[in-house]
Amino acid sequence: MGVNYSIDCRHCGQHSDYTTYTDARTMRCADIDSSMHVDTEFAIRCPVCRSKLNTTEADFRAQVRVVRQA
C-alpha cells in the first residue's frame, strides 16, 4: 500500500509530487485524510523553501493533496 501526495507551496509556488510506501517512519506527514486531525505542532515543511505547511489544518489541506493506493 502506498500514498501519493503533492505539495503546492503557497510561499515559493513550487509543486512537488511524492510517493511513500507503508513504513511508520515516513507515513507521519502523509497519512492523513479530510476527516483526520493534522498535527500543527510538528512542522511539516516544503522540501524546496522549508516553509511550514501546517501552520493551521486548513492551510495544510490547501497545500497538500493525498491519494491512497491499495
N, C-alpha and C. Protein backbone atom coordinates (compact mmCIF):
# COMPACT_ATOMS: atom_id res chain seq x y z
N MET A 1 0.85 -1.18 0.00
CA MET A 1 0.00 0.00 0.00
C MET A 1 0.89 1.23 0.00
N GLY A 2 0.54 2.19 -0.79
CA GLY A 2 1.32 3.42 -0.86
C GLY A 2 0.44 4.64 -0.78
N VAL A 3 1.08 5.77 -0.69
CA VAL A 3 0.38 7.04 -0.64
C VAL A 3 1.06 7.98 -1.62
N ASN A 4 0.28 8.57 -2.51
CA ASN A 4 0.79 9.61 -3.39
C ASN A 4 0.35 10.94 -2.79
N TYR A 5 1.25 11.87 -2.73
CA TYR A 5 0.85 13.19 -2.26
C TYR A 5 1.60 14.25 -3.03
N SER A 6 0.94 15.39 -3.20
CA SER A 6 1.56 16.51 -3.88
C SER A 6 1.46 17.74 -3.00
N ILE A 7 2.49 18.55 -3.11
CA ILE A 7 2.58 19.78 -2.34
C ILE A 7 2.60 20.95 -3.30
N ASP A 8 1.73 21.92 -3.05
CA ASP A 8 1.74 23.19 -3.77
C ASP A 8 1.99 24.27 -2.74
N CYS A 9 3.25 24.64 -2.57
CA CYS A 9 3.63 25.59 -1.53
C CYS A 9 3.14 27.00 -1.87
N ARG A 10 2.43 27.61 -0.94
CA ARG A 10 1.96 28.98 -1.14
C ARG A 10 3.09 29.99 -1.02
N HIS A 11 4.14 29.63 -0.31
CA HIS A 11 5.25 30.56 -0.08
C HIS A 11 6.14 30.71 -1.31
N CYS A 12 6.59 29.58 -1.88
CA CYS A 12 7.53 29.65 -3.01
C CYS A 12 6.87 29.28 -4.35
N GLY A 13 5.65 28.72 -4.31
CA GLY A 13 4.96 28.36 -5.54
C GLY A 13 5.40 27.04 -6.15
N GLN A 14 6.29 26.32 -5.49
CA GLN A 14 6.81 25.06 -6.01
C GLN A 14 5.77 23.95 -5.92
N HIS A 15 5.66 23.13 -6.99
CA HIS A 15 4.80 21.94 -6.99
C HIS A 15 5.71 20.73 -6.91
N SER A 16 5.44 19.82 -5.95
CA SER A 16 6.25 18.62 -5.78
C SER A 16 5.33 17.43 -5.64
N ASP A 17 5.65 16.31 -6.29
CA ASP A 17 4.90 15.06 -6.19
C ASP A 17 5.76 14.01 -5.50
N TYR A 18 5.15 13.22 -4.61
CA TYR A 18 5.87 12.19 -3.87
C TYR A 18 5.05 10.94 -3.77
N THR A 19 5.71 9.81 -3.59
CA THR A 19 5.06 8.54 -3.29
C THR A 19 5.79 7.94 -2.10
N THR A 20 5.03 7.51 -1.10
CA THR A 20 5.62 6.79 0.03
C THR A 20 4.94 5.44 0.11
N TYR A 21 5.59 4.50 0.75
CA TYR A 21 5.04 3.17 0.95
C TYR A 21 4.89 2.95 2.44
N THR A 22 4.05 2.00 2.82
CA THR A 22 3.75 1.78 4.22
C THR A 22 5.03 1.56 5.01
N ASP A 23 5.32 2.50 5.84
CA ASP A 23 6.51 2.49 6.67
C ASP A 23 6.26 3.51 7.77
N ALA A 24 6.28 3.11 8.99
CA ALA A 24 5.95 4.00 10.10
C ALA A 24 6.84 5.24 10.14
N ARG A 25 8.06 5.15 9.63
CA ARG A 25 8.96 6.29 9.69
C ARG A 25 8.61 7.37 8.68
N THR A 26 8.00 7.03 7.55
CA THR A 26 7.72 8.02 6.52
C THR A 26 6.26 8.42 6.42
N MET A 27 5.36 7.70 7.06
CA MET A 27 3.93 7.95 6.88
C MET A 27 3.39 9.09 7.72
N ARG A 28 4.10 9.54 8.73
CA ARG A 28 3.55 10.54 9.63
C ARG A 28 3.09 11.80 8.91
N CYS A 29 3.85 12.29 7.97
CA CYS A 29 3.49 13.51 7.26
C CYS A 29 2.39 13.29 6.25
N ALA A 30 2.31 12.11 5.67
CA ALA A 30 1.41 11.92 4.54
C ALA A 30 0.13 11.18 4.88
N ASP A 31 0.09 10.45 5.97
CA ASP A 31 -1.04 9.57 6.25
C ASP A 31 -2.19 10.33 6.88
N ILE A 32 -2.85 11.18 6.10
CA ILE A 32 -3.99 11.95 6.58
C ILE A 32 -5.09 11.90 5.54
N ASP A 33 -6.28 12.14 5.96
CA ASP A 33 -7.38 12.37 5.02
C ASP A 33 -8.23 13.49 5.59
N SER A 34 -9.28 13.86 4.91
CA SER A 34 -10.04 15.05 5.30
C SER A 34 -10.73 14.92 6.65
N SER A 35 -10.90 13.70 7.16
CA SER A 35 -11.58 13.53 8.44
C SER A 35 -10.61 13.45 9.61
N MET A 36 -9.32 13.41 9.33
CA MET A 36 -8.33 13.25 10.40
C MET A 36 -7.74 14.59 10.82
N HIS A 37 -7.28 14.62 12.07
CA HIS A 37 -6.63 15.80 12.63
C HIS A 37 -5.22 15.96 12.05
N VAL A 38 -4.84 17.18 11.75
CA VAL A 38 -3.49 17.48 11.27
C VAL A 38 -2.70 18.08 12.43
N ASP A 39 -1.57 17.48 12.74
CA ASP A 39 -0.72 17.97 13.82
C ASP A 39 -0.09 19.29 13.41
N THR A 40 -0.33 20.36 14.15
CA THR A 40 0.23 21.66 13.81
C THR A 40 1.45 22.01 14.67
N GLU A 41 1.80 21.15 15.63
CA GLU A 41 2.99 21.40 16.45
C GLU A 41 4.24 20.84 15.78
N PHE A 42 4.15 19.67 15.19
CA PHE A 42 5.26 19.05 14.46
C PHE A 42 5.32 19.69 13.08
N ALA A 43 6.39 20.38 12.76
CA ALA A 43 6.47 21.14 11.50
C ALA A 43 6.60 20.21 10.29
N ILE A 44 5.69 20.37 9.35
CA ILE A 44 5.77 19.71 8.05
C ILE A 44 6.18 20.80 7.07
N ARG A 45 7.32 20.66 6.43
CA ARG A 45 7.90 21.75 5.66
C ARG A 45 7.94 21.46 4.16
N CYS A 46 7.90 22.54 3.40
CA CYS A 46 8.09 22.46 1.96
C CYS A 46 9.50 21.95 1.70
N PRO A 47 9.67 20.97 0.82
CA PRO A 47 11.00 20.44 0.56
C PRO A 47 11.92 21.43 -0.17
N VAL A 48 11.36 22.48 -0.75
CA VAL A 48 12.17 23.44 -1.51
C VAL A 48 12.57 24.63 -0.64
N CYS A 49 11.58 25.36 -0.09
CA CYS A 49 11.89 26.59 0.65
C CYS A 49 11.87 26.40 2.16
N ARG A 50 11.47 25.21 2.62
CA ARG A 50 11.42 24.87 4.05
C ARG A 50 10.37 25.66 4.84
N SER A 51 9.42 26.29 4.16
CA SER A 51 8.33 27.00 4.81
C SER A 51 7.40 25.98 5.47
N LYS A 52 6.86 26.29 6.65
CA LYS A 52 5.97 25.38 7.37
C LYS A 52 4.63 25.28 6.65
N LEU A 53 4.22 24.07 6.30
CA LEU A 53 2.98 23.84 5.57
C LEU A 53 1.77 23.65 6.48
N ASN A 54 2.01 23.33 7.74
CA ASN A 54 0.91 23.00 8.64
C ASN A 54 0.74 24.01 9.77
N THR A 55 0.77 25.29 9.44
CA THR A 55 0.53 26.32 10.45
C THR A 55 -0.88 26.14 11.04
N THR A 56 -1.86 25.87 10.17
CA THR A 56 -3.22 25.50 10.58
C THR A 56 -3.64 24.29 9.76
N GLU A 57 -4.69 23.59 10.22
CA GLU A 57 -5.19 22.45 9.46
C GLU A 57 -5.67 22.88 8.08
N ALA A 58 -6.38 24.00 8.01
CA ALA A 58 -6.90 24.49 6.73
C ALA A 58 -5.76 24.83 5.77
N ASP A 59 -4.71 25.45 6.29
CA ASP A 59 -3.55 25.81 5.47
C ASP A 59 -2.89 24.55 4.91
N PHE A 60 -2.75 23.51 5.74
CA PHE A 60 -2.15 22.25 5.30
C PHE A 60 -2.99 21.60 4.20
N ARG A 61 -4.31 21.52 4.42
CA ARG A 61 -5.20 20.88 3.45
C ARG A 61 -5.23 21.63 2.11
N ALA A 62 -5.00 22.93 2.15
CA ALA A 62 -4.98 23.73 0.90
C ALA A 62 -3.69 23.49 0.11
N GLN A 63 -2.62 23.09 0.78
CA GLN A 63 -1.33 22.95 0.12
C GLN A 63 -0.92 21.50 -0.16
N VAL A 64 -1.51 20.54 0.53
CA VAL A 64 -1.11 19.15 0.38
C VAL A 64 -2.32 18.31 -0.01
N ARG A 65 -2.18 17.54 -1.09
CA ARG A 65 -3.22 16.62 -1.55
C ARG A 65 -2.71 15.20 -1.41
N VAL A 66 -3.53 14.32 -0.80
CA VAL A 66 -3.13 12.94 -0.52
C VAL A 66 -4.06 11.99 -1.25
N VAL A 67 -3.49 10.98 -1.92
CA VAL A 67 -4.26 9.93 -2.58
C VAL A 67 -3.68 8.59 -2.14
N ARG A 68 -4.50 7.77 -1.49
CA ARG A 68 -4.04 6.45 -1.03
C ARG A 68 -4.16 5.44 -2.16
N GLN A 69 -3.22 4.51 -2.21
CA GLN A 69 -3.26 3.42 -3.19
C GLN A 69 -3.43 2.11 -2.43
N ALA A 70 -4.23 1.23 -2.97
CA ALA A 70 -4.44 -0.08 -2.33
C ALA A 70 -3.34 -1.04 -2.73
